[in-house]
Protein backbone atom coordinates (compact mmCIF):
# COMPACT_ATOMS: atom_id res chain seq x y z
CA MET A 1 58.35 74.80 123.60
CA THR A 2 56.46 74.28 120.71
CA HIS A 3 56.32 70.85 118.85
CA PRO A 4 56.18 70.04 115.12
CA THR A 5 52.28 67.90 115.86
CA ASP A 6 50.96 71.08 117.75
CA THR A 7 48.59 73.71 116.19
CA PRO A 8 50.07 76.84 115.16
CA HIS A 9 48.66 80.36 116.72
CA LEU A 10 48.56 83.98 116.64
CA ARG A 11 48.61 86.48 119.34
CA ILE A 12 47.88 89.86 118.23
CA ALA A 13 50.02 92.38 120.72
CA ARG A 14 49.10 95.30 118.74
CA PRO A 15 46.49 95.51 116.15
CA ALA A 16 46.42 98.07 113.11
CA PRO A 17 44.66 101.31 113.78
CA ARG A 18 43.67 101.19 109.56
CA GLY A 19 43.59 98.01 108.69
CA ILE A 20 42.16 95.90 106.17
CA PRO A 21 38.19 97.03 105.40
CA ALA A 22 36.02 95.18 106.58
CA GLN A 23 34.38 94.86 103.38
CA SER A 24 37.44 93.58 101.42
CA PRO A 25 39.19 90.38 100.53
CA GLY A 26 42.05 92.80 101.22
CA ARG A 27 45.80 91.93 101.14
CA LEU A 28 47.76 91.30 103.82
CA GLY A 29 51.61 91.37 103.93
CA VAL A 30 53.76 89.44 106.62
CA LEU A 31 57.41 90.76 107.89
CA GLY A 32 58.78 88.07 110.18
CA GLY A 33 62.18 88.40 112.48
CA ALA A 34 63.35 87.66 115.50
CA TYR A 35 63.12 92.01 116.38
CA ASN A 36 65.97 91.63 118.83
CA PRO A 37 65.74 94.55 118.72
CA ILE A 38 63.80 95.86 115.72
CA THR A 39 65.60 98.17 113.80
CA LEU A 40 64.87 101.05 111.10
CA ALA A 41 65.54 99.14 108.17
CA HIS A 42 62.88 96.58 109.40
CA LEU A 43 60.14 99.70 109.18
CA ALA A 44 61.56 101.02 105.72
CA ILE A 45 61.11 97.95 104.19
CA ALA A 46 57.35 96.90 105.96
CA ASP A 47 56.97 101.14 104.52
CA ALA A 48 58.34 100.19 101.00
CA ALA A 49 56.28 96.82 100.87
CA VAL A 50 52.88 98.83 101.50
CA ALA A 51 53.66 100.95 98.73
CA ALA A 52 55.15 98.80 96.36
CA MET A 53 51.82 96.31 96.26
CA HIS A 54 49.22 98.35 97.74
CA LEU A 55 49.43 95.88 101.66
CA ASN A 56 45.78 97.31 103.05
CA GLU A 57 48.08 95.99 106.43
CA VAL A 58 51.97 94.30 107.68
CA LEU A 59 52.00 92.12 110.19
CA PHE A 60 55.37 92.28 111.97
CA CYS A 61 55.55 88.40 113.37
CA LEU A 62 57.79 87.50 115.85
CA PRO A 63 58.02 83.92 116.22
CA GLN A 64 58.18 82.29 120.32
CA GLU A 65 61.27 80.19 118.41
CA PRO A 66 62.49 81.37 115.43
CA PRO A 67 64.19 78.58 113.08
CA HIS A 68 67.45 78.72 112.75
CA LYS A 69 68.52 81.10 115.38
CA THR A 70 69.75 80.97 119.12
CA ILE A 71 68.23 84.55 121.31
CA PHE A 72 69.25 86.64 123.80
CA GLY A 73 69.38 90.15 125.57
CA ALA A 74 66.04 90.48 124.95
CA SER A 75 62.68 88.19 125.79
CA LEU A 76 60.01 88.26 124.28
CA GLU A 77 57.84 90.46 126.35
CA GLN A 78 60.41 93.07 125.89
CA ARG A 79 61.02 92.50 122.12
CA LEU A 80 56.91 92.60 121.43
CA ASP A 81 57.02 95.92 123.61
CA MET A 82 59.93 97.49 121.04
CA MET A 83 57.95 96.53 118.04
CA LYS A 84 55.29 98.47 119.43
CA LEU A 85 56.75 101.50 120.50
CA ALA A 86 58.40 101.02 115.95
CA VAL A 87 55.25 101.75 114.92
CA ARG A 88 52.67 103.04 117.11
CA ASP A 89 53.18 106.12 113.99
CA ARG A 90 51.93 103.25 110.82
CA PRO A 91 48.25 102.90 111.32
CA TYR A 92 49.02 100.07 109.01
CA ALA A 93 50.74 97.91 110.99
CA THR A 94 50.25 95.05 113.49
CA VAL A 95 52.58 93.58 115.83
CA GLY A 96 51.88 89.27 116.52
CA LEU A 97 53.41 86.65 118.50
CA CYS A 98 53.33 83.26 116.70
CA SER A 99 54.16 80.29 118.25
CA HIS A 100 55.65 79.12 115.44
CA GLY A 101 58.20 79.98 113.41
CA LEU A 102 57.39 78.61 109.53
CA PHE A 103 56.15 80.65 106.47
CA LEU A 104 53.88 77.45 106.61
CA ASP A 105 52.70 77.59 109.92
CA ILE A 106 52.72 81.04 110.24
CA GLU A 107 50.02 80.92 107.61
CA ARG A 108 48.25 78.41 109.59
CA ALA A 109 47.76 80.77 112.24
CA LEU A 110 46.77 83.49 110.47
CA ARG A 111 43.36 81.52 108.72
CA HIS A 112 42.29 81.10 112.68
CA VAL A 113 42.28 85.60 112.97
CA TYR A 114 42.19 87.16 109.09
CA ALA A 115 39.16 86.72 106.75
CA PRO A 116 39.75 83.21 104.42
CA ALA A 117 39.37 85.79 101.24
CA THR A 118 43.02 87.21 102.81
CA GLU A 119 45.87 87.75 100.33
CA VAL A 120 49.15 86.78 101.85
CA PHE A 121 52.28 87.90 101.21
CA PHE A 122 55.67 86.51 102.92
CA ILE A 123 58.25 89.86 102.98
CA THR A 124 61.30 88.40 102.80
CA GLY A 125 65.25 89.41 101.99
CA ARG A 126 66.68 88.42 99.21
CA ASP A 127 68.98 85.72 100.49
CA ALA A 128 66.49 84.22 102.50
CA ALA A 129 64.40 84.46 99.61
CA GLU A 130 67.26 82.17 97.60
CA ARG A 131 67.70 80.10 100.56
CA ILE A 132 63.77 79.35 100.81
CA LEU A 133 63.51 78.75 97.01
CA THR A 134 66.64 76.40 96.28
CA TRP A 135 65.79 74.35 99.17
CA GLU A 136 65.86 70.76 98.92
CA TYR A 137 62.81 68.97 101.17
CA ASP A 138 61.61 65.63 101.26
CA ASP A 139 59.72 66.61 98.54
CA THR A 140 60.20 70.03 97.20
CA GLU A 141 57.65 70.17 93.76
CA ARG A 142 54.76 69.51 96.56
CA ALA A 143 56.64 71.91 99.52
CA LEU A 144 56.43 74.45 96.54
CA SER A 145 53.16 73.75 95.42
CA GLU A 146 51.62 73.96 99.06
CA MET A 147 53.80 77.39 99.69
CA PHE A 148 52.32 78.63 96.18
CA SER A 149 49.06 78.07 96.90
CA ALA A 150 48.87 79.37 100.66
CA PHE A 151 50.78 82.68 99.74
CA GLN A 152 53.07 85.20 97.71
CA PHE A 153 57.02 86.06 98.35
CA ILE A 154 57.86 89.63 98.16
CA VAL A 155 61.62 89.71 97.99
CA CYS A 156 63.25 93.40 98.99
CA ASP A 157 66.75 93.80 97.00
CA ARG A 158 69.50 94.89 100.42
CA GLU A 159 72.83 93.77 100.12
CA GLY A 160 72.10 92.43 96.14
CA ALA A 161 69.25 92.07 93.64
CA PHE A 162 67.04 88.85 94.05
CA VAL A 163 67.55 87.05 90.82
CA MET A 164 65.40 84.24 90.33
CA PRO A 165 66.33 80.93 90.57
CA ASP A 166 67.05 78.58 87.47
CA ASP A 167 65.28 75.98 88.79
CA PRO A 168 62.38 74.39 86.19
CA ARG A 169 60.27 73.52 89.33
CA LEU A 170 59.43 77.49 90.46
CA ILE A 171 58.54 78.43 86.67
CA PRO A 172 54.70 77.88 87.80
CA TYR A 173 55.69 80.43 90.92
CA HIS A 174 57.08 83.61 89.03
CA SER A 175 54.03 85.18 88.91
CA ARG A 176 53.66 84.71 92.68
CA ILE A 177 56.97 86.57 93.67
CA HIS A 178 57.35 89.49 93.77
CA HIS A 179 60.56 92.20 94.21
CA PHE A 180 61.93 95.24 95.27
CA ALA A 181 64.10 97.75 95.78
CA ILE A 182 64.44 99.67 99.40
CA PRO A 183 65.87 103.03 99.24
CA ASP A 184 69.35 102.92 99.63
CA GLY A 185 71.71 103.60 102.80
CA LEU A 186 70.06 100.55 104.83
CA ASP A 187 72.49 97.88 104.44
CA HIS A 188 74.33 99.17 107.51
CA ILE A 189 71.20 98.43 109.76
CA SER A 190 71.29 95.89 111.12
CA SER A 191 69.76 94.32 114.53
CA THR A 192 73.23 92.37 114.65
CA ALA A 193 74.69 95.69 114.04
CA ILE A 194 72.89 97.22 116.94
CA ARG A 195 73.60 95.18 120.07
CA ASP A 196 77.66 95.36 118.65
CA ARG A 197 76.91 99.15 119.75
CA LEU A 198 75.71 98.27 122.37
CA GLN A 199 78.32 96.33 124.01
CA HIS A 200 81.08 99.00 122.88
CA HIS A 201 78.82 102.41 124.52
CA GLN A 202 78.21 103.80 121.30
CA PRO A 203 74.94 105.42 120.21
CA ILE A 204 72.57 103.92 117.69
CA GLU A 205 69.47 106.46 117.35
CA ASP A 206 70.64 106.50 113.29
CA LEU A 207 69.41 102.66 113.22
CA VAL A 208 66.31 102.24 115.60
CA PRO A 209 63.27 104.92 115.92
CA GLY A 210 64.23 106.89 119.42
CA ALA A 211 61.35 105.59 121.59
CA VAL A 212 63.24 101.91 120.88
CA ALA A 213 66.66 103.73 121.79
CA ASP A 214 64.79 104.88 124.76
CA PHE A 215 63.46 101.65 126.38
CA ILE A 216 66.58 99.63 125.28
CA ARG A 217 68.86 101.82 128.21
CA GLN A 218 65.88 101.83 130.67
CA GLN A 219 66.03 97.80 130.53
CA SER A 220 69.50 98.00 129.96
CA LEU A 221 69.00 95.33 127.34
CA TYR A 222 71.96 93.74 124.93
CA THR A 223 75.12 95.47 127.10
CA ALA A 224 76.17 92.38 129.33
């Protein structure tokens, strides 16, 4: 178990075949999640973010202990294996395991892996972004300043369009909060829906890449 005072670290499980150019500051997207399991929606969000924001690389980041979630059904290594299978045809994709789950801790871990000049963009859904931006921290102005000094947000309009919260404390950071729409037809795709279908012995091929569906069957995941 990690402790808040531990130094965050990132283990790369699969480096991007075509990532950030060596002589470029580069633009890195970070798409965090429990990936229990990874879905076609995760891939579509990453594809859309790469296109919309001209990202060189996307880090599919699995926190070792994700905040606010209890994980069951697949181990960390099994989830990493599924992530690697899912992104194998995406040259921009890196898969990594982070010791911590909060954005600021993940960003600190990135500093030991990526060049200091790398622009970092955390990719998140509308609901999570609204929650993060409206949270009352111990010192909200300081927390916002620390976040937006370190990285920017890319918010995907999933299950509703993102609306900037009406908070004057966010005004200085509007230019660092970007949003885009993802392709239609993805709202029904989620890790929860996949696990529910497997519990009821229903097909999942329309929710996950074929290689991930095969892995889940071979490992007998999410059926108990």
